[in-house]
């Protein structure tokens, strides 16, 4: 065979192209699913988010803010013990 012009080289090239196409398709579908999730959940805090120990994931932004204020503000009024020396 001269310079890689044989039938086995053509088959290898097709296999490589098919693998690349499958990988690109998987990547494209994953990107579309991610974008769909962003669109559906817009206006809410992403699932699984915790702030200052308070679960706020999946809540509307306003609800998350209210929950955080309700949980955190009482902490701000408690005295903080300080020891010197």
PDB file of N, CA and C in Angstrom:
ATOM      1  N   UNK A   1       0.848  -1.186   0.000  1.00  0.00           N
ATOM      2  CA  UNK A   1       0.000   0.000   0.000  1.00  0.00           C
ATOM      3  C   UNK A   1       0.884   1.237   0.000  1.00  0.00           C
ATOM      4  N   UNK A   2       0.453   2.221  -0.704  1.00  0.00           N
ATOM      5  CA  UNK A   2       1.258   3.417  -0.887  1.00  0.00           C
ATOM      6  C   UNK A   2       0.640   4.605  -0.178  1.00  0.00           C
ATOM      7  N   UNK A   3       1.353   5.144   0.814  1.00  0.00           N
ATOM      8  CA  UNK A   3       0.949   6.397   1.438  1.00  0.00           C
ATOM      9  C   UNK A   3      -0.391   6.372   2.152  1.00  0.00           C
ATOM     10  N   UNK A   4      -0.872   5.207   2.557  1.00  0.00           N
ATOM     11  CA  UNK A   4      -2.109   5.159   3.330  1.00  0.00           C
ATOM     12  C   UNK A   4      -3.362   5.316   2.506  1.00  0.00           C
ATOM     13  N   UNK A   5      -3.330   4.839   1.239  1.00  0.00           N
ATOM     14  CA  UNK A   5      -4.505   4.976   0.385  1.00  0.00           C
ATOM     15  C   UNK A   5      -5.342   3.702   0.336  1.00  0.00           C
ATOM     16  N   UNK A   6      -5.091   2.749   1.208  1.00  0.00           N
ATOM     17  CA  UNK A   6      -5.781   1.463   1.135  1.00  0.00           C
ATOM     18  C   UNK A   6      -7.167   1.502   1.741  1.00  0.00           C
ATOM     19  N   UNK A   7      -7.927   0.427   1.527  1.00  0.00           N
ATOM     20  CA  UNK A   7      -9.290   0.339   2.045  1.00  0.00           C
ATOM     21  C   UNK A   7      -9.355   0.376   3.567  1.00  0.00           C
ATOM     22  N   UNK A   8      -8.339  -0.180   4.235  1.00  0.00           N
ATOM     23  CA  UNK A   8      -8.368  -0.169   5.704  1.00  0.00           C
ATOM     24  C   UNK A   8      -8.214   1.251   6.245  1.00  0.00           C
ATOM     25  N   UNK A   9      -7.487   2.096   5.530  1.00  0.00           N
ATOM     26  CA  UNK A   9      -7.355   3.493   5.941  1.00  0.00           C
ATOM     27  C   UNK A   9      -8.680   4.233   5.792  1.00  0.00           C
ATOM     28  N   UNK A  10      -9.434   3.916   4.740  1.00  0.00           N
ATOM     29  CA  UNK A  10     -10.750   4.535   4.555  1.00  0.00           C
ATOM     30  C   UNK A  10     -11.701   4.140   5.686  1.00  0.00           C
ATOM     31  N   UNK A  11     -11.679   2.869   6.050  1.00  0.00           N
ATOM     32  CA  UNK A  11     -12.551   2.385   7.125  1.00  0.00           C
ATOM     33  C   UNK A  11     -12.163   3.034   8.459  1.00  0.00           C
ATOM     34  N   UNK A  12     -10.864   3.147   8.698  1.00  0.00           N
ATOM     35  CA  UNK A  12     -10.404   3.778   9.943  1.00  0.00           C
ATOM     36  C   UNK A  12     -10.827   5.243   9.976  1.00  0.00           C
ATOM     37  N   UNK A  13     -10.748   5.901   8.842  1.00  0.00           N
ATOM     38  CA  UNK A  13     -11.157   7.307   8.766  1.00  0.00           C
ATOM     39  C   UNK A  13     -12.646   7.469   9.025  1.00  0.00           C
ATOM     40  N   UNK A  14     -13.447   6.543   8.484  1.00  0.00           N
ATOM     41  CA  UNK A  14     -14.895   6.605   8.717  1.00  0.00           C
ATOM     42  C   UNK A  14     -15.223   6.344  10.187  1.00  0.00           C
ATOM     43  N   UNK A  15     -14.521   5.388  10.792  1.00  0.00           N
ATOM     44  CA  UNK A  15     -14.748   5.106  12.221  1.00  0.00           C
ATOM     45  C   UNK A  15     -14.391   6.331  13.068  1.00  0.00           C
ATOM     46  N   UNK A  16     -13.291   6.962  12.735  1.00  0.00           N
ATOM     47  CA  UNK A  16     -12.858   8.154  13.463  1.00  0.00           C
ATOM     48  C   UNK A  16     -13.888   9.276  13.305  1.00  0.00           C
ATOM     49  N   UNK A  17     -14.366   9.470  12.085  1.00  0.00           N
ATOM     50  CA  UNK A  17     -15.368  10.506  11.830  1.00  0.00           C
ATOM     51  C   UNK A  17     -16.666  10.195  12.574  1.00  0.00           C
ATOM     52  N   UNK A  18     -17.073   8.923  12.602  1.00  0.00           N
ATOM     53  CA  UNK A  18     -18.297   8.533  13.310  1.00  0.00           C
ATOM     54  C   UNK A  18     -18.146   8.784  14.810  1.00  0.00           C
ATOM     55  N   UNK A  19     -16.992   8.447  15.372  1.00  0.00           N
ATOM     56  CA  UNK A  19     -16.761   8.686  16.810  1.00  0.00           C
ATOM     57  C   UNK A  19     -16.808  10.179  17.130  1.00  0.00           C
ATOM     58  N   UNK A  20     -16.217  10.960  16.260  1.00  0.00           N
ATOM     59  CA  UNK A  20     -16.218  12.411  16.456  1.00  0.00           C
ATOM     60  C   UNK A  20     -17.647  12.954  16.380  1.00  0.00           C
ATOM     61  N   UNK A  21     -18.428  12.444  15.427  1.00  0.00           N
ATOM     62  CA  UNK A  21     -19.816  12.868  15.283  1.00  0.00           C
ATOM     63  C   UNK A  21     -20.645  12.488  16.514  1.00  0.00           C
ATOM     64  N   UNK A  22     -20.443  11.286  17.028  1.00  0.00           N
ATOM     65  CA  UNK A  22     -21.169  10.853  18.233  1.00  0.00           C
ATOM     66  C   UNK A  22     -20.779  11.727  19.421  1.00  0.00           C
ATOM     67  N   UNK A  23     -19.493  12.002  19.589  1.00  0.00           N
ATOM     68  CA  UNK A  23     -19.044  12.851  20.693  1.00  0.00           C
ATOM     69  C   UNK A  23     -19.635  14.252  20.579  1.00  0.00           C
ATOM     70  N   UNK A  24     -19.664  14.802  19.367  1.00  0.00           N
ATOM     71  CA  UNK A  24     -20.235  16.136  19.166  1.00  0.00           C
ATOM     72  C   UNK A  24     -21.737  16.128  19.458  1.00  0.00           C
ATOM     73  N   UNK A  25     -22.433  15.062  19.069  1.00  0.00           N
ATOM     74  CA  UNK A  25     -23.870  14.963  19.333  1.00  0.00           C
ATOM     75  C   UNK A  25     -24.142  14.887  20.829  1.00  0.00           C
ATOM     76  N   UNK A  26     -23.354  14.104  21.555  1.00  0.00           N
ATOM     77  CA  UNK A  26     -23.520  13.999  23.012  1.00  0.00           C
ATOM     78  C   UNK A  26     -23.273  15.353  23.666  1.00  0.00           C
ATOM     79  N   UNK A  27     -22.251  16.051  23.232  1.00  0.00           N
ATOM     80  CA  UNK A  27     -21.950  17.378  23.762  1.00  0.00           C
ATOM     81  C   UNK A  27     -23.087  18.355  23.468  1.00  0.00           C
ATOM     82  N   UNK A  28     -23.617  18.322  22.256  1.00  0.00           N
ATOM     83  CA  UNK A  28     -24.701  19.233  21.878  1.00  0.00           C
ATOM     84  C   UNK A  28     -25.960  18.958  22.693  1.00  0.00           C
ATOM     85  N   UNK A  29     -26.305  17.685  22.867  1.00  0.00           N
ATOM     86  CA  UNK A  29     -27.496  17.336  23.664  1.00  0.00           C
ATOM     87  C   UNK A  29     -27.305  17.768  25.109  1.00  0.00           C
ATOM     88  N   UNK A  30     -26.121  17.559  25.653  1.00  0.00           N
ATOM     89  CA  UNK A  30     -25.851  17.980  27.039  1.00  0.00           C
ATOM     90  C   UNK A  30     -25.992  19.487  27.184  1.00  0.00           C
ATOM     91  N   UNK A  31     -25.472  20.232  26.231  1.00  0.00           N
ATOM     92  CA  UNK A  31     -25.575  21.693  26.276  1.00  0.00           C
ATOM     93  C   UNK A  31     -27.033  22.141  26.190  1.00  0.00           C
ATOM     94  N   UNK A  32     -27.814  21.500  25.326  1.00  0.00           N
ATOM     95  CA  UNK A  32     -29.231  21.849  25.210  1.00  0.00           C
ATOM     96  C   UNK A  32     -29.994  21.551  26.495  1.00  0.00           C
ATOM     97  N   UNK A  33     -29.709  20.409  27.121  1.00  0.00           N
ATOM     98  CA  UNK A  33     -30.367  20.078  28.388  1.00  0.00           C
ATOM     99  C   UNK A  33     -30.001  21.084  29.472  1.00  0.00           C
ATOM    100  N   UNK A  34     -28.737  21.484  29.517  1.00  0.00           N
ATOM    101  CA  UNK A  34     -28.294  22.472  30.499  1.00  0.00           C
ATOM    102  C   UNK A  34     -29.007  23.806  30.280  1.00  0.00           C
ATOM    103  N   UNK A  35     -29.084  24.241  29.030  1.00  0.00           N
ATOM    104  CA  UNK A  35     -29.765  25.501  28.730  1.00  0.00           C
ATOM    105  C   UNK A  35     -31.259  25.420  29.056  1.00  0.00           C
ATOM    106  N   UNK A  36     -31.883  24.290  28.771  1.00  0.00           N
ATOM    107  CA  UNK A  36     -33.298  24.114  29.096  1.00  0.00           C
ATOM    108  C   UNK A  36     -33.510  24.205  30.601  1.00  0.00           C
ATOM    109  N   UNK A  37     -32.616  23.602  31.376  1.00  0.00           N
ATOM    110  CA  UNK A  37     -32.723  23.673  32.838  1.00  0.00           C
ATOM    111  C   UNK A  37     -32.570  25.107  33.316  1.00  0.00           C
ATOM    112  N   UNK A  38     -31.646  25.860  32.733  1.00  0.00           N
ATOM    113  CA  UNK A  38     -31.471  27.258  33.115  1.00  0.00           C
ATOM    114  C   UNK A  38     -32.726  28.077  32.821  1.00  0.00           C
ATOM    115  N   UNK A  39     -33.335  27.826  31.664  1.00  0.00           N
ATOM    116  CA  UNK A  39     -34.535  28.578  31.283  1.00  0.00           C
ATOM    117  C   UNK A  39     -35.696  28.231  32.205  1.00  0.00           C
ATOM    118  N   UNK A  40     -35.878  26.946  32.484  1.00  0.00           N
ATOM    119  CA  UNK A  40     -36.991  26.509  33.339  1.00  0.00           C
ATOM    120  C   UNK A  40     -36.825  27.025  34.763  1.00  0.00           C
ATOM    121  N   UNK A  41     -35.596  27.058  35.252  1.00  0.00           N
ATOM    122  CA  UNK A  41     -35.380  27.450  36.644  1.00  0.00           C
ATOM    123  C   UNK A  41     -34.986  28.912  36.801  1.00  0.00           C
ATOM    124  N   UNK A  42     -35.145  29.724  35.745  1.00  0.00           N
ATOM    125  CA  UNK A  42     -34.790  31.136  35.872  1.00  0.00           C
ATOM    126  C   UNK A  42     -35.702  31.802  36.896  1.00  0.00           C
ATOM    127  N   UNK A  43     -35.141  32.666  37.693  1.00  0.00           N
ATOM    128  CA  UNK A  43     -35.908  33.325  38.743  1.00  0.00           C
ATOM    129  C   UNK A  43     -35.883  32.562  40.054  1.00  0.00           C
ATOM    130  N   UNK A  44     -35.237  31.404  40.057  1.00  0.00           N
ATOM    131  CA  UNK A  44     -35.111  30.647  41.303  1.00  0.00           C
ATOM    132  C   UNK A  44     -33.637  30.410  41.591  1.00  0.00           C
ATOM    133  N   UNK A  45     -33.363  30.122  42.843  1.00  0.00           N
ATOM    134  CA  UNK A  45     -32.004  29.789  43.255  1.00  0.00           C
ATOM    135  C   UNK A  45     -31.747  28.346  42.798  1.00  0.00           C
ATOM    136  N   UNK A  46     -30.594  28.057  42.226  1.00  0.00           N
ATOM    137  CA  UNK A  46     -30.320  26.692  41.764  1.00  0.00           C
ATOM    138  C   UNK A  46     -30.488  25.669  42.883  1.00  0.00           C
ATOM    139  N   UNK A  47     -30.924  24.473  42.504  1.00  0.00           N
ATOM    140  CA  UNK A  47     -31.129  23.392  43.477  1.00  0.00           C
ATOM    141  C   UNK A  47     -29.833  23.091  44.220  1.00  0.00           C
ATOM    142  N   UNK A  48     -29.971  22.761  45.493  1.00  0.00           N
ATOM    143  CA  UNK A  48     -28.825  22.344  46.289  1.00  0.00           C
ATOM    144  C   UNK A  48     -28.023  23.470  46.909  1.00  0.00           C
ATOM    145  N   UNK A  49     -28.459  24.709  46.775  1.00  0.00           N
ATOM    146  CA  UNK A  49     -27.692  25.841  47.307  1.00  0.00           C
ATOM    147  C   UNK A  49     -28.008  26.025  48.790  1.00  0.00           C
ATOM    148  N   UNK A  50     -26.958  26.185  49.569  1.00  0.00           N
ATOM    149  CA  UNK A  50     -27.067  26.475  50.997  1.00  0.00           C
ATOM    150  C   UNK A  50     -26.265  27.744  51.260  1.00  0.00           C
ATOM    151  N   UNK A  51     -26.858  28.687  51.996  1.00  0.00           N
ATOM    152  CA  UNK A  51     -26.160  29.925  52.344  1.00  0.00           C
ATOM    153  C   UNK A  51     -26.195  30.077  53.855  1.00  0.00           C
ATOM    154  N   UNK A  52     -25.038  30.201  54.459  1.00  0.00           N
ATOM    155  CA  UNK A  52     -24.918  30.354  55.918  1.00  0.00           C
ATOM    156  C   UNK A  52     -25.665  29.234  56.647  1.00  0.00           C
ATOM    157  N   UNK A  53     -25.608  28.030  56.087  1.00  0.00           N
ATOM    158  CA  UNK A  53     -26.257  26.887  56.715  1.00  0.00           C
ATOM    159  C   UNK A  53     -27.757  26.800  56.475  1.00  0.00           C
ATOM    160  N   UNK A  54     -28.302  27.665  55.638  1.00  0.00           N
ATOM    161  CA  UNK A  54     -29.740  27.700  55.361  1.00  0.00           C
ATOM    162  C   UNK A  54     -29.972  27.189  53.937  1.00  0.00           C
ATOM    163  N   UNK A  55     -30.813  26.162  53.792  1.00  0.00           N
ATOM    164  CA  UNK A  55     -31.138  25.621  52.470  1.00  0.00           C
ATOM    165  C   UNK A  55     -32.044  26.600  51.724  1.00  0.00           C
ATOM    166  N   UNK A  56     -31.584  27.097  50.589  1.00  0.00           N
ATOM    167  CA  UNK A  56     -32.386  28.030  49.796  1.00  0.00           C
ATOM    168  C   UNK A  56     -32.554  27.557  48.350  1.00  0.00           C
ATOM    169  N   UNK A  57     -32.000  26.413  48.021  1.00  0.00           N
ATOM    170  CA  UNK A  57     -32.078  25.894  46.666  1.00  0.00           C
ATOM    171  C   UNK A  57     -33.507  25.625  46.237  1.00  0.00           C
ATOM    172  N   UNK A  58     -33.836  26.014  45.004  1.00  0.00           N
ATOM    173  CA  UNK A  58     -35.161  25.780  44.451  1.00  0.00           C
ATOM    174  C   UNK A  58     -36.182  26.843  44.808  1.00  0.00           C
ATOM    175  N   UNK A  59     -35.842  27.758  45.704  1.00  0.00           N
ATOM    176  CA  UNK A  59     -36.771  28.818  46.095  1.00  0.00           C
ATOM    177  C   UNK A  59     -36.674  29.985  45.115  1.00  0.00           C
ATOM    178  N   UNK A  60     -37.764  30.740  45.027  1.00  0.00           N
ATOM    179  CA  UNK A  60     -37.709  31.994  44.282  1.00  0.00           C
ATOM    180  C   UNK A  60     -36.727  32.910  45.012  1.00  0.00           C
ATOM    181  N   UNK A  61     -36.117  33.825  44.300  1.00  0.00           N
ATOM    182  CA  UNK A  61     -35.105  34.695  44.885  1.00  0.00           C
ATOM    183  C   UNK A  61     -35.677  35.460  46.084  1.00  0.00           C
ATOM    184  N   UNK A  62     -36.896  35.981  45.963  1.00  0.00           N
ATOM    185  CA  UNK A  62     -37.513  36.717  47.075  1.00  0.00           C
ATOM    186  C   UNK A  62     -37.738  35.816  48.290  1.00  0.00           C
ATOM    187  N   UNK A  63     -38.211  34.590  48.044  1.00  0.00           N
ATOM    188  CA  UNK A  63     -38.431  33.648  49.142  1.00  0.00           C
ATOM    189  C   UNK A  63     -37.117  33.291  49.821  1.00  0.00           C
ATOM    190  N   UNK A  64     -36.072  33.089  49.032  1.00  0.00           N
ATOM    191  CA  UNK A  64     -34.761  32.760  49.586  1.00  0.00           C
ATOM    192  C   UNK A  64     -34.255  33.898  50.462  1.00  0.00           C
ATOM    193  N   UNK A  65     -34.445  35.130  50.010  1.00  0.00           N
ATOM    194  CA  UNK A  65     -34.015  36.282  50.799  1.00  0.00           C
ATOM    195  C   UNK A  65     -34.767  36.338  52.124  1.00  0.00           C
ATOM    196  N   UNK A  66     -36.074  36.131  52.091  1.00  0.00           N
ATOM    197  CA  UNK A  66     -36.863  36.151  53.323  1.00  0.00           C
ATOM    198  C   UNK A  66     -36.414  35.055  54.280  1.00  0.00           C
ATOM    199  N   UNK A  67     -36.195  33.855  53.750  1.00  0.00           N
ATOM    200  CA  UNK A  67     -35.757  32.753  54.604  1.00  0.00           C
ATOM    201  C   UNK A  67     -34.397  33.045  55.225  1.00  0.00           C
ATOM    202  N   UNK A  68     -33.490  33.592  54.430  1.00  0.00           N
ATOM    203  CA  UNK A  68     -32.169  33.922  54.961  1.00  0.00           C
ATOM    204  C   UNK A  68     -32.259  34.993  56.050  1.00  0.00           C
ATOM    205  N   UNK A  69     -33.056  36.024  55.803  1.00  0.00           N
ATOM    206  CA  UNK A  69     -33.207  37.079  56.816  1.00  0.00           C
ATOM    207  C   UNK A  69     -33.798  36.522  58.104  1.00  0.00           C
ATOM    208  N   UNK A  70     -34.799  35.657  57.974  1.00  0.00           N
ATOM    209  CA  UNK A  70     -35.437  35.077  59.159  1.00  0.00           C
ATOM    210  C   UNK A  70     -34.460  34.219  59.957  1.00  0.00           C
ATOM    211  N   UNK A  71     -33.572  33.535  59.283  1.00  0.00           N
ATOM    212  CA  UNK A  71     -32.615  32.655  59.963  1.00  0.00           C
ATOM    213  C   UNK A  71     -31.384  33.403  60.479  1.00  0.00           C
ATOM    214  N   UNK A  72     -30.922  34.403  59.733  1.00  0.00           N
ATOM    215  CA  UNK A  72     -29.645  35.043  60.058  1.00  0.00           C
ATOM    216  C   UNK A  72     -29.802  36.234  60.998  1.00  0.00           C
ATOM    217  N   UNK A  73     -30.854  37.031  60.866  1.00  0.00           N
ATOM    218  CA  UNK A  73     -30.986  38.228  61.693  1.00  0.00           C
ATOM    219  C   UNK A  73     -30.954  37.933  63.191  1.00  0.00           C
ATOM    220  N   UNK A  74     -31.615  36.878  63.672  1.00  0.00           N
ATOM    221  CA  UNK A  74     -31.493  36.596  65.112  1.00  0.00           C
ATOM    222  C   UNK A  74     -30.052  36.319  65.552  1.00  0.00           C
ATOM    223  N   UNK A  75     -29.254  35.766  64.665  1.00  0.00           N
ATOM    224  CA  UNK A  75     -27.847  35.506  64.989  1.00  0.00           C
ATOM    225  C   UNK A  75     -27.088  36.814  65.215  1.00  0.00           C
ATOM    226  N   UNK A  76     -27.485  37.869  64.513  1.00  0.00           N
ATOM    227  CA  UNK A  76     -26.797  39.154  64.620  1.00  0.00           C
ATOM    228  C   UNK A  76     -27.062  39.871  65.936  1.00  0.00           C
ATOM    229  N   UNK A  77     -28.095  39.502  66.631  1.00  0.00           N
ATOM    230  CA  UNK A  77     -28.407  40.174  67.897  1.00  0.00           C
ATOM    231  C   UNK A  77     -27.836  39.429  69.103  1.00  0.00           C
ATOM    232  N   UNK A  78     -27.337  38.249  68.918  1.00  0.00           N
ATOM    233  CA  UNK A  78     -26.751  37.493  70.043  1.00  0.00           C
ATOM    234  C   UNK A  78     -25.382  38.044  70.368  1.00  0.00           C
ATOM    235  N   UNK A  79     -25.048  38.089  71.653  1.00  0.00           N
ATOM    236  CA  UNK A  79     -23.710  38.562  72.037  1.00  0.00           C
ATOM    237  C   UNK A  79     -22.642  37.536  71.618  1.00  0.00           C
ATOM    238  N   UNK A  80     -21.494  38.055  71.272  1.00  0.00           N
ATOM    239  CA  UNK A  80     -20.357  37.204  70.890  1.00  0.00           C
ATOM    240  C   UNK A  80     -19.370  37.202  72.038  1.00  0.00           C
ATOM    241  N   UNK A  81     -19.128  36.030  72.617  1.00  0.00           N
ATOM    242  CA  UNK A  81     -18.178  35.983  73.722  1.00  0.00           C
ATOM    243  C   UNK A  81     -16.745  36.196  73.221  1.00  0.00           C
ATOM    244  N   UNK A  82     -16.034  37.085  73.907  1.00  0.00           N
ATOM    245  CA  UNK A  82     -14.650  37.390  73.552  1.00  0.00           C
ATOM    246  C   UNK A  82     -13.797  37.188  74.796  1.00  0.00           C
ATOM    247  N   UNK A  83     -12.714  36.462  74.653  1.00  0.00           N
ATOM    248  CA  UNK A  83     -11.784  36.241  75.764  1.00  0.00           C
ATOM    249  C   UNK A  83     -10.438  36.839  75.383  1.00  0.00           C
ATOM    250  N   UNK A  84      -9.920  37.668  76.270  1.00  0.00           N
ATOM    251  CA  UNK A  84      -8.625  38.308  76.024  1.00  0.00           C
ATOM    252  C   UNK A  84      -7.617  37.754  77.021  1.00  0.00           C
ATOM    253  N   UNK A  85      -6.474  37.389  76.524  1.00  0.00           N
ATOM    254  CA  UNK A  85      -5.382  36.990  77.412  1.00  0.00           C
ATOM    255  C   UNK A  85      -5.336  35.605  77.659  1.00  0.00           C
TER     256      UNK A  85
END
